[in-house]
Protein backbone atom coordinates (compact mmCIF):
# COMPACT_ATOMS: atom_id res chain seq x y z
CA MET A 1 47.77 141.47 143.05
CA ALA A 2 49.49 144.08 140.92
CA ASP A 3 52.75 143.37 142.73
CA GLU A 4 52.42 139.64 142.00
CA ARG A 5 51.68 140.40 138.36
CA ALA A 6 54.72 142.70 138.15
CA GLN A 7 56.90 140.04 139.79
CA GLY A 8 55.63 137.48 137.30
CA ASP A 9 56.43 139.81 134.41
CA MET A 10 59.94 140.28 135.79
CA ASP A 11 60.42 136.54 136.12
CA ASP A 12 59.20 136.05 132.56
CA SER A 13 61.51 138.80 131.32
CA PHE A 14 64.47 137.21 133.10
CA LEU A 15 63.66 133.83 131.58
CA HIS A 16 63.38 135.40 128.13
CA PHE A 17 66.69 137.23 128.63
CA ARG A 18 68.39 134.04 129.80
CA THR A 19 66.98 132.08 126.86
CA ILE A 20 68.27 134.70 124.45
CA ALA A 21 71.68 135.00 126.16
CA GLU A 22 72.26 131.26 126.32
CA ASN A 23 71.38 130.74 122.66
CA LEU A 24 73.62 133.45 121.28
CA THR A 25 76.69 132.50 119.26
CA ASP A 26 78.65 135.09 121.21
CA MET A 27 79.66 134.42 124.81
CA LEU A 28 78.34 136.65 127.59
CA ALA A 29 79.87 137.06 131.01
CA LEU A 30 78.96 139.48 133.80
CA VAL A 31 81.88 140.30 136.09
CA ASP A 32 82.39 142.58 139.07
CA LEU A 33 84.91 145.40 139.10
CA ASP A 34 87.66 143.01 140.20
CA GLY A 35 87.00 140.72 137.25
CA ARG A 36 85.26 137.90 139.17
CA ARG A 37 82.52 136.17 137.22
CA LEU A 38 78.96 136.69 138.42
CA TYR A 39 77.41 134.92 135.47
CA CYS A 40 78.51 133.32 132.17
CA THR A 41 76.71 131.60 129.32
CA PRO A 42 77.08 127.86 128.66
CA ASN A 43 79.32 128.40 125.61
CA TYR A 44 82.15 129.09 128.07
CA GLY A 45 82.05 125.32 128.59
CA PHE A 46 85.46 124.79 126.94
CA LEU A 47 86.92 126.28 130.17
CA GLY A 48 85.17 123.64 132.28
CA ASP A 49 81.92 123.43 134.29
CA THR A 50 80.38 126.90 133.89
CA GLN A 51 78.75 126.69 137.34
CA LYS A 52 82.20 126.32 138.88
CA LEU A 53 83.41 129.38 136.98
CA ILE A 54 81.04 131.63 138.94
CA GLY A 55 82.92 133.62 141.57
CA LYS A 56 86.29 132.82 139.99
CA ASP A 57 88.84 135.27 138.58
CA SER A 58 88.04 135.73 134.87
CA PHE A 59 91.69 136.53 134.15
CA ALA A 60 92.95 133.16 135.44
CA GLU A 61 92.44 131.27 132.16
CA ILE A 62 93.95 134.01 129.99
CA HIS A 63 97.33 133.12 128.49
CA PRO A 64 100.13 134.40 130.77
CA GLU A 65 101.62 136.39 127.88
CA ASP A 66 98.33 138.28 127.40
CA ARG A 67 97.08 138.52 131.00
CA GLU A 68 98.64 141.80 132.17
CA ARG A 69 97.70 143.57 128.95
CA ILE A 70 94.05 142.50 129.29
CA LYS A 71 93.98 143.51 132.95
CA ASN A 72 95.11 146.98 131.88
CA VAL A 73 92.41 147.13 129.20
CA PHE A 74 89.79 146.08 131.78
CA ALA A 75 90.99 148.70 134.27
CA GLU A 76 90.84 151.41 131.60
CA THR A 77 87.32 150.31 130.64
CA VAL A 78 86.18 150.65 134.26
CA ARG A 79 87.97 153.98 134.68
CA SER A 80 86.72 155.61 131.49
CA GLY A 81 83.34 153.91 131.34
CA GLU A 82 83.98 153.16 127.69
CA GLY A 83 84.44 149.61 126.50
CA GLN A 84 87.40 148.62 124.38
CA ARG A 85 87.78 145.77 121.95
CA ALA A 86 90.56 143.39 122.86
CA TYR A 87 92.12 140.25 121.43
CA TYR A 88 93.71 137.59 123.62
CA ARG A 89 94.16 133.86 124.14
CA PHE A 90 92.72 131.40 126.61
CA LEU A 91 95.17 128.71 127.71
CA LEU A 92 93.20 125.51 128.35
CA LYS A 93 94.09 122.74 130.79
CA ASP A 94 95.17 120.41 127.98
CA GLY A 95 97.68 123.00 126.74
CA SER A 96 95.65 124.07 123.71
CA VAL A 97 94.90 127.70 122.93
CA ARG A 98 91.65 129.46 121.98
CA TYR A 99 91.71 132.91 120.38
CA ILE A 100 89.11 135.34 121.76
CA GLU A 101 87.78 138.75 120.72
CA SER A 102 86.01 140.68 123.53
CA GLN A 103 84.16 143.95 124.01
CA GLY A 104 83.53 145.34 127.51
CA ILE A 105 80.35 147.21 128.38
CA VAL A 106 80.27 149.07 131.72
CA VAL A 107 77.07 148.58 133.76
CA LYS A 108 76.41 151.62 135.97
CA ASP A 109 74.24 152.08 139.04
CA ALA A 110 71.48 154.69 139.37
CA GLY A 111 74.08 157.33 140.22
CA GLY A 112 76.12 156.62 137.07
CA LYS A 113 78.91 154.88 138.94
CA PRO A 114 80.44 151.74 137.36
CA GLU A 115 79.02 148.68 139.09
CA LYS A 116 79.73 145.70 136.85
CA VAL A 117 81.13 144.93 133.41
CA LEU A 118 79.36 142.91 130.75
CA LEU A 119 81.81 141.06 128.50
CA VAL A 120 80.62 140.17 125.02
CA SER A 121 83.13 137.74 123.57
CA ARG A 122 83.55 135.63 120.46
CA ASP A 123 85.70 132.55 119.87
CA ILE A 124 87.67 133.37 116.71
CA THR A 125 90.02 130.37 116.84
CA GLU A 126 88.85 128.85 113.54
CA LYS A 127 88.99 132.24 111.83
CA LYS A 128 92.48 132.83 113.22
CA GLU A 129 93.70 129.41 112.07
CA LEU A 130 92.26 129.98 108.61
CA GLU A 131 93.98 133.38 108.42
CA GLU A 132 97.26 131.80 109.53
CA ARG A 133 96.98 129.10 106.87
CA GLU A 134 96.20 131.69 104.19
CA ARG A 135 99.05 133.85 105.43
CA ALA A 136 101.45 130.88 105.33
CA ILE A 137 100.41 130.10 101.76
CA GLU A 138 100.79 133.75 100.79
CA GLN A 139 104.21 133.93 102.42
CA LYS A 140 105.31 130.78 100.61
CA LEU A 141 104.14 132.17 97.28
CA MET A 142 105.89 135.49 97.96
CA GLN A 143 109.07 133.64 98.90
CA ALA A 144 108.87 131.59 95.72
CA ASP A 145 108.40 134.78 93.68
CA LYS A 146 111.45 136.33 95.32
CA LEU A 147 113.58 133.31 94.55
CA ASN A 148 112.32 133.03 90.99
CA ALA A 149 113.03 136.70 90.35
CA LEU A 150 116.49 136.45 91.84
CA GLY A 151 117.04 133.18 90.00
CA LYS A 152 116.88 135.03 86.68
CA THR A 153 119.75 137.25 87.79
CA VAL A 154 121.67 134.31 89.24
CA SER A 155 121.34 132.45 85.94
CA GLY A 156 123.27 135.08 84.03
CA VAL A 157 125.86 135.63 86.76
CA ALA A 158 126.48 131.91 87.22
CA HIS A 159 126.96 131.37 83.48
CA GLU A 160 129.54 134.15 83.31
CA LEU A 161 131.40 132.81 86.36
CA ASN A 162 131.25 129.10 85.47
CA ASN A 163 133.07 129.51 82.15
CA PRO A 164 136.26 131.12 83.57
CA LEU A 165 136.11 128.82 86.63
CA THR A 166 136.15 125.81 84.31
CA GLY A 167 139.35 127.09 82.74
CA ILE A 168 141.00 127.93 86.07
CA MET A 169 140.25 124.54 87.62
CA ALA A 170 141.24 122.57 84.52
CA TYR A 171 144.52 124.46 84.09
CA CYS A 172 145.31 123.85 87.77
CA GLN A 173 144.74 120.14 87.31
CA LEU A 174 146.95 120.10 84.22
CA LEU A 175 149.72 121.89 86.15
CA LEU A 176 149.40 119.43 89.04
CA ARG A 177 150.05 116.58 86.57
CA ASP A 178 153.27 118.23 85.42
CA GLU A 179 156.40 116.55 86.76
CA GLY A 180 158.16 119.87 87.25
CA ILE A 181 155.34 121.22 89.43
CA GLN A 182 155.22 117.97 91.42
CA ALA A 183 158.96 118.23 92.06
CA SER A 184 158.60 121.71 93.59
CA THR A 185 156.77 121.75 96.91
CA ARG A 186 156.30 125.52 96.81
CA TYR A 187 154.79 125.65 93.30
CA ARG A 188 152.66 122.56 93.89
CA GLU A 189 151.18 124.05 97.07
CA ASP A 190 150.53 127.36 95.27
CA VAL A 191 148.65 125.62 92.46
CA GLU A 192 146.73 123.48 94.96
CA THR A 193 145.71 126.67 96.79
CA ILE A 194 144.48 128.25 93.54
CA PHE A 195 142.49 125.09 92.78
CA LYS A 196 140.92 125.04 96.26
CA GLU A 197 139.96 128.71 96.03
CA ALA A 198 138.42 128.09 92.60
CA GLU A 199 136.46 125.21 94.13
CA ARG A 200 135.30 127.60 96.85
CA CYS A 201 134.03 129.99 94.18
CA ARG A 202 132.29 127.09 92.45
CA ASN A 203 130.55 126.14 95.70
CA ILE A 204 129.37 129.73 96.20
CA VAL A 205 127.84 129.73 92.72
CA LYS A 206 126.32 126.32 93.41
CA SER A 207 124.80 127.63 96.65
CA LEU A 208 123.26 130.56 94.79
CA THR A 209 121.73 128.27 92.19
CA THR A 210 120.55 125.82 94.87
CA PHE A 211 118.58 128.39 96.88
CA ALA A 212 117.23 129.83 93.64
CA ARG A 213 115.90 126.31 92.93
CA GLN A 214 117.38 126.05 89.47
CA HIS A 215 118.80 122.52 89.77
CA LYS A 216 116.56 119.50 89.72
CA PRO A 217 117.31 117.13 92.63
CA GLU A 218 119.23 113.95 91.75
CA LYS A 219 117.00 111.66 93.76
CA THR A 220 117.82 108.27 95.21
CA TYR A 221 115.91 106.03 97.60
CA LEU A 222 117.15 106.94 101.09
CA GLY A 223 116.38 106.96 104.78
CA VAL A 224 116.16 110.36 106.44
CA ASN A 225 117.16 108.96 109.86
CA GLY A 226 120.49 107.65 108.56
CA LEU A 227 121.15 110.91 106.74
CA ILE A 228 120.59 112.93 109.94
CA GLN A 229 122.91 110.58 111.86
CA ASP A 230 125.59 111.16 109.19
CA VAL A 231 125.18 114.94 109.48
CA VAL A 232 125.47 114.87 113.27
CA ARG A 233 128.53 112.60 113.17
CA LEU A 234 130.32 114.64 110.49
CA ASN A 235 129.69 117.89 112.39
CA ALA A 236 130.42 116.53 115.87
CA TYR A 237 133.69 118.44 116.19
CA TYR A 238 132.03 121.76 115.28
CA SER A 239 129.12 121.14 117.66
CA LYS A 240 131.47 120.26 120.51
CA ASN A 241 133.57 123.40 119.98
CA CYS A 242 130.36 125.46 120.20
CA GLY A 243 129.46 123.79 123.50
CA VAL A 244 126.44 122.11 121.91
CA THR A 245 125.10 118.67 122.71
CA VAL A 246 123.14 117.12 119.84
CA GLU A 247 120.33 114.72 120.74
CA LEU A 248 118.36 112.43 118.42
CA ASP A 249 114.75 111.28 118.78
CA LEU A 250 114.27 109.33 115.55
CA GLN A 251 111.20 107.22 114.80
CA PRO A 252 112.59 103.70 114.17
CA ASP A 253 110.15 102.65 111.42
CA LEU A 254 110.35 105.90 109.43
CA PRO A 255 109.68 105.11 105.74
CA LYS A 256 112.30 105.82 103.09
CA THR A 257 111.67 108.28 100.28
CA MET A 258 113.09 109.50 96.99
CA ALA A 259 115.28 112.53 97.69
CA ASP A 260 118.58 114.16 96.80
CA TYR A 261 121.02 112.97 99.48
CA HIS A 262 123.45 115.86 99.09
CA GLN A 263 120.75 118.54 99.10
CA LEU A 264 119.09 117.13 102.24
CA GLN A 265 122.50 116.80 103.85
CA GLN A 266 123.21 120.45 103.09
CA MET A 267 119.80 121.42 104.46
CA PHE A 268 120.35 119.67 107.82
CA VAL A 269 123.94 120.94 108.07
CA ASN A 270 122.70 124.51 107.58
CA LEU A 271 120.08 124.11 110.31
CA LEU A 272 122.55 122.48 112.72
CA VAL A 273 125.26 125.09 112.12
CA ASN A 274 122.75 127.94 112.52
CA ALA A 275 121.60 126.51 115.84
CA CYS A 276 125.19 126.01 117.04
CA ASP A 277 126.15 129.56 116.03
CA ALA A 278 123.13 131.01 117.87
CA ILE A 279 123.91 129.05 121.05
CA CYS A 280 127.61 129.93 120.85
CA ALA A 281 126.81 133.65 120.42
CA ASP A 282 124.60 133.39 123.52
CA GLY A 283 127.71 132.49 125.51
CA ARG A 284 126.51 129.32 127.22
CA PRO A 285 126.33 125.57 126.53
CA GLY A 286 123.20 124.39 124.79
CA LYS A 287 121.33 121.56 123.12
CA VAL A 288 120.03 120.81 119.62
CA LEU A 289 117.41 118.11 119.07
CA PHE A 290 116.58 116.32 115.82
CA ARG A 291 113.20 114.58 116.00
CA THR A 292 111.57 112.57 113.21
CA SER A 293 108.05 111.19 112.88
CA PHE A 294 105.59 110.08 110.21
CA SER A 295 102.11 111.57 109.84
CA GLY A 296 99.60 111.94 107.01
CA GLY A 297 101.89 110.34 104.45
CA ARG A 298 104.68 112.83 105.19
CA ILE A 299 108.00 112.61 107.01
CA ILE A 300 108.19 115.24 109.76
CA VAL A 301 111.61 116.49 110.89
CA GLU A 302 111.80 118.90 113.81
CA VAL A 303 115.06 120.70 114.57
CA GLU A 304 114.94 122.66 117.78
CA ASP A 305 117.44 124.28 120.11
CA ASP A 306 117.49 126.02 123.48
CA GLY A 307 119.38 129.08 122.26
CA PRO A 308 118.19 132.71 122.23
CA GLY A 309 115.50 132.02 119.62
CA ILE A 310 114.59 133.98 116.50
CA LYS A 311 114.69 137.74 117.02
CA GLU A 312 111.35 139.47 117.32
CA GLY A 313 110.11 140.86 114.02
CA THR A 314 112.35 138.67 111.84
CA LEU A 315 110.25 135.51 111.51
CA ASP A 316 108.75 136.73 108.23
CA SER A 317 112.20 137.44 106.75
CA ILE A 318 114.48 134.60 107.84
CA PHE A 319 114.03 132.63 104.59
CA ASP A 320 114.75 135.69 102.42
CA PRO A 321 118.00 135.50 100.44
CA PHE A 322 120.83 137.58 101.96
CA PHE A 323 118.85 138.25 105.16
CA THR A 324 120.97 137.60 108.25
CA THR A 325 121.01 138.62 111.90
CA LYS A 326 124.64 137.53 112.32
CA PRO A 327 127.40 140.15 112.76
CA GLU A 328 128.97 141.54 109.60
CA GLY A 329 131.31 139.04 108.03
CA LYS A 330 129.83 136.10 109.95
CA GLY A 331 127.07 135.09 107.55
CA THR A 332 125.97 135.48 103.94
CA GLY A 333 122.23 135.23 104.55
CA LEU A 334 122.01 132.27 102.18
CA GLY A 335 121.79 129.40 104.69
CA LEU A 336 118.04 129.41 105.36
CA ALA A 337 117.24 130.55 101.81
CA ILE A 338 119.03 127.42 100.62
CA VAL A 339 117.03 125.33 103.10
CA PHE A 340 113.78 126.84 101.82
CA GLY A 341 114.75 126.14 98.20
CA ILE A 342 115.68 122.51 98.93
CA VAL A 343 112.47 121.81 100.85
CA SER A 344 110.37 123.39 98.11
CA GLU A 345 112.22 121.49 95.38
CA HIS A 346 111.31 118.26 97.17
CA GLY A 347 107.61 119.21 97.34
CA GLY A 348 107.76 119.81 101.08
CA ASN A 349 107.06 122.61 103.53
CA ILE A 350 109.06 124.32 106.28
CA THR A 351 107.95 126.54 109.16
CA ALA A 352 109.92 128.41 111.81
CA SER A 353 108.85 129.49 115.29
CA ASN A 354 110.14 130.25 118.76
CA ARG A 355 109.64 127.63 121.46
CA PRO A 356 107.61 128.79 124.50
CA GLU A 357 110.43 127.59 126.76
CA GLY A 358 113.06 129.43 124.71
CA GLY A 359 114.98 128.65 121.55
CA ALA A 360 114.02 128.12 117.91
CA ARG A 361 112.13 125.33 116.19
CA PHE A 362 112.09 124.43 112.51
CA VAL A 363 109.55 121.89 111.27
CA ILE A 364 110.12 120.28 107.87
CA GLU A 365 107.53 118.14 106.10
CA LEU A 366 108.67 115.93 103.23
CA PRO A 367 106.38 113.79 101.07
CA VAL A 368 107.08 110.06 100.89
CA ASN A 369 107.73 109.07 97.28
CA GLY A 370 108.31 105.52 96.04
CA GLU A 371 111.60 104.15 94.77
CA GLU A 372 112.39 105.01 91.18
CA ALA A 373 114.31 102.78 88.86
CA ALA A 374 117.89 103.92 88.59
CA GLY A 375 120.22 103.05 85.75
CA ASP A 376 123.28 100.91 86.45
CA ARG A 377 126.34 102.97 87.18
CA LYS A 378 129.61 101.14 86.75
CA THR A 379 132.60 101.78 88.95
CA LEU A 380 135.25 103.40 86.82
CA PRO A 381 139.01 103.07 87.14
CA GLY A 382 141.34 106.03 87.43
CA SER A 383 142.94 107.52 84.31
CA LEU A 384 142.05 105.84 81.01
CA LEU A 385 143.80 106.43 77.69
CA TRP A 386 142.24 105.99 74.25
CA ASN A 387 143.88 105.56 70.85
CA GLY A 388 143.51 108.74 68.83
CA GLU A 389 139.73 108.78 68.37
CA ARG A 390 138.47 112.09 66.93
CA VAL A 391 136.47 114.33 69.29
CA LEU A 392 134.79 117.57 68.18
CA ILE A 393 134.76 120.49 70.62
CA VAL A 394 131.94 122.99 69.95
CA ASP A 395 132.34 126.04 72.22
CA ASP A 396 132.78 129.79 71.79
CA GLU A 397 134.94 130.29 74.92
CA PRO A 398 138.66 130.33 73.87
CA CYS A 399 139.87 129.42 77.36
CA ILE A 400 137.62 126.35 77.57
CA VAL A 401 138.46 125.24 74.01
CA ASP A 402 142.19 125.50 74.73
CA VAL A 403 142.06 123.54 77.98
CA LEU A 404 139.79 120.85 76.47
CA VAL A 405 142.25 120.40 73.59
CA ARG A 406 145.08 119.86 76.05
CA ILE A 407 143.09 117.42 78.19
CA LEU A 408 141.94 115.38 75.17
CA ARG A 409 145.51 115.10 73.94
CA ILE A 410 146.63 113.85 77.35
CA LEU A 411 143.88 111.22 77.10
CA LYS A 412 145.27 110.18 73.68
CA LEU A 413 142.26 111.56 71.82
CA SER A 414 142.40 113.72 68.70
CA PRO A 415 140.58 117.06 69.23
CA ASP A 416 138.91 119.13 66.52
CA ILE A 417 137.38 122.58 67.07
CA ALA A 418 134.26 124.47 65.99
CA ARG A 419 133.68 127.96 67.44
CA ASP A 420 129.95 128.10 66.67
CA GLY A 421 127.01 125.99 65.53
CA GLN A 422 127.37 126.74 61.81
CA ALA A 423 131.04 125.74 61.76
CA ALA A 424 130.12 122.60 63.70
CA LYS A 425 127.45 121.68 61.11
CA GLU A 426 130.00 121.89 58.32
CA LYS A 427 132.49 119.66 60.13
CA LEU A 428 129.85 117.16 61.26
CA SER A 429 128.63 116.91 57.68
CA ARG A 430 132.12 116.09 56.37
CA PHE A 431 133.69 113.99 59.13
CA ASP A 432 132.86 111.25 61.59
CA TYR A 433 133.60 111.72 65.28
CA ALA A 434 133.83 109.31 68.18
CA ALA A 435 132.37 111.98 70.50
CA VAL A 436 131.09 115.57 70.43
CA LEU A 437 131.57 118.00 73.33
CA CYS A 438 129.00 120.74 72.67
CA ASP A 439 128.25 123.89 74.66
CA TYR A 440 124.58 124.52 75.48
CA ARG A 441 124.59 128.30 74.95
CA MET A 442 126.40 129.78 71.94
CA PRO A 443 125.85 132.83 69.72
CA GLY A 444 123.69 132.08 66.70
CA MET A 445 122.79 128.39 66.84
CA SER A 446 122.45 126.94 70.36
CA GLY A 447 123.73 123.51 71.38
CA THR A 448 120.24 122.02 71.49
CA GLU A 449 119.45 123.38 68.02
CA LEU A 450 122.63 121.81 66.69
CA TYR A 451 121.74 118.52 68.38
CA ALA A 452 118.26 118.63 66.81
CA TRP A 453 119.88 119.08 63.39
CA VAL A 454 122.21 116.12 64.01
CA ALA A 455 119.25 113.95 65.03
CA GLY A 456 117.82 114.40 61.53
CA ALA A 457 120.97 114.66 59.40
CA LYS A 458 123.35 112.20 61.09
CA PRO A 459 121.35 110.23 63.71
CA ALA A 460 124.30 107.95 64.51
CA LEU A 461 126.00 110.94 66.20
CA LYS A 462 123.15 111.35 68.72
CA ASP A 463 124.62 108.65 70.98
CA LYS A 464 128.06 110.31 70.87
CA TRP A 465 126.90 113.68 72.19
CA ILE A 466 127.98 115.30 75.50
CA PHE A 467 126.54 118.68 76.45
CA LEU A 468 128.60 121.32 78.30
CA THR A 469 126.83 124.09 80.18
CA GLY A 470 127.59 126.90 82.56
CA SER A 471 123.94 127.93 82.66
CA VAL A 472 121.74 127.18 85.67
CA ARG A 473 118.66 127.26 83.44
CA ALA A 474 119.46 124.24 81.29
CA ASP A 475 116.87 121.75 82.51
CA THR A 476 115.91 120.91 78.90
CA LEU A 477 119.27 119.15 78.49
CA GLU A 478 118.17 116.34 80.82
CA ALA A 479 115.16 115.83 78.57
CA GLU A 480 117.56 114.99 75.71
CA ASN A 481 118.77 111.98 77.73
CA ARG A 482 122.40 112.80 77.01
CA PRO A 483 125.34 113.25 79.42
CA VAL A 484 125.60 116.81 80.74
CA LEU A 485 128.83 118.29 82.12
CA ARG A 486 128.00 121.33 84.25
CA LYS A 487 130.76 123.92 84.34
CA PRO A 488 133.05 124.11 86.15
CA PHE A 489 133.91 120.41 85.85
CA THR A 490 137.07 118.47 86.65
CA ILE A 491 139.19 116.32 84.36
CA GLU A 492 137.84 113.24 86.17
CA LEU A 493 134.24 114.18 85.38
CA LEU A 494 135.14 114.70 81.74
CA GLU A 495 136.80 111.26 81.65
CA ASP A 496 133.72 109.70 83.24
CA ALA A 497 131.45 111.26 80.61
CA LEU A 498 133.70 110.11 77.75
CA ARG A 499 133.83 106.55 79.09
CA LYS A 500 130.04 106.30 78.82
CA ILE A 501 130.18 106.72 75.05
CA LEU A 502 133.75 105.72 74.12
CA PRO A 503 134.80 102.09 74.69
CA ALA A 504 138.19 101.57 76.28
CA ARG A 505 141.07 100.32 74.12
């Protein structure tokens, strides 16, 4: 009778234990010393039928990249008799991943010898995903802070470089219009080389300001698919020389969006060239794939390759300005920083990762914005001459003043000069001008302050105003709704700006 009562108590205790175990949030599994499951709670159901898991290897569902490490942890737990906390992933049949935190508890027999291991585990997938999202946001904010801080330095450097570059490029163009230079092949080629090198310097400055996100995009209504096709076609020779085949998987009905064509083009060129360089350095032929899709109101562009992938430990740094893994002299470290700046400027997001099968993947998300009304832009003829109209030049840079005087005279315009805002006020008060070329940043009175004075004192001059600027932080100029010539500019751009406010004769 006592034995029956004891057996009943044991049965009740087992039922109570089972009820408790199977209603815990944590997962429980009892395994033998080889890791085969002897029992597991129902919340292991994401692995399949829990009854069919009994007797099976508990390491089988662990992600291949984590399996050997966890086996070693398990073996050490059995050997030492002390459980260790471990983090790993389960790889499910549908290819998805669950993140698990486990603690092993050694179950010993009466003699103190390890007999089984009780695994107390917790599914931390949602926590992990939340941490990853928070980390991604934090990284994006940190990246933005880095670029903003560097942008302040770039602003001053670019302004100092853009002024002399304006003079160099303009003087080169004036020399190339000279009959004597045109008659001498040697001198003409020398001047053309100087002009091209000055353009190269201008592009370097422009790249710095682009990744620092100091220029507002000049957006038009465009299709991303067509833009990618243009990039691939224009870079076909480079891709072929690198032994790279470029494939396209473009969603046919991808919506158009408002974006800066040239900035997006630069972004995709940078990603393509980076992929080609990585594959080429790996010493074997490879493939780059551009894939587009549309989801959640956003255009998704994936750029992936089968190269060596992103080096371990560098994923958090690849968008940093001047960070590069290329050999010395092979890269500036600006390519991906520029990409990051362009994506951010368009209100999008970019992530980088390594593909499980090898190679790198970049995923870009761009918002879909509706078409904006664009003003009519007339096609302009080549050189256009006026008839002596007076134009005031307001600038404190002697080189720029001198070259503008020479250009205006070639265009049959009559230049006048003011070296600062106060001198300009005196001349504007006394004379009428057909146009005013005014620098944005000057000692004393700035260009915008002078323009504000003109708006009140001589409002008719407002429509004759053209701003000049070598500063990358001059976004307020666009708010004035006046033409803006960003230094360094060419003679053709100056002519275009003058045509908008000066009628042809």
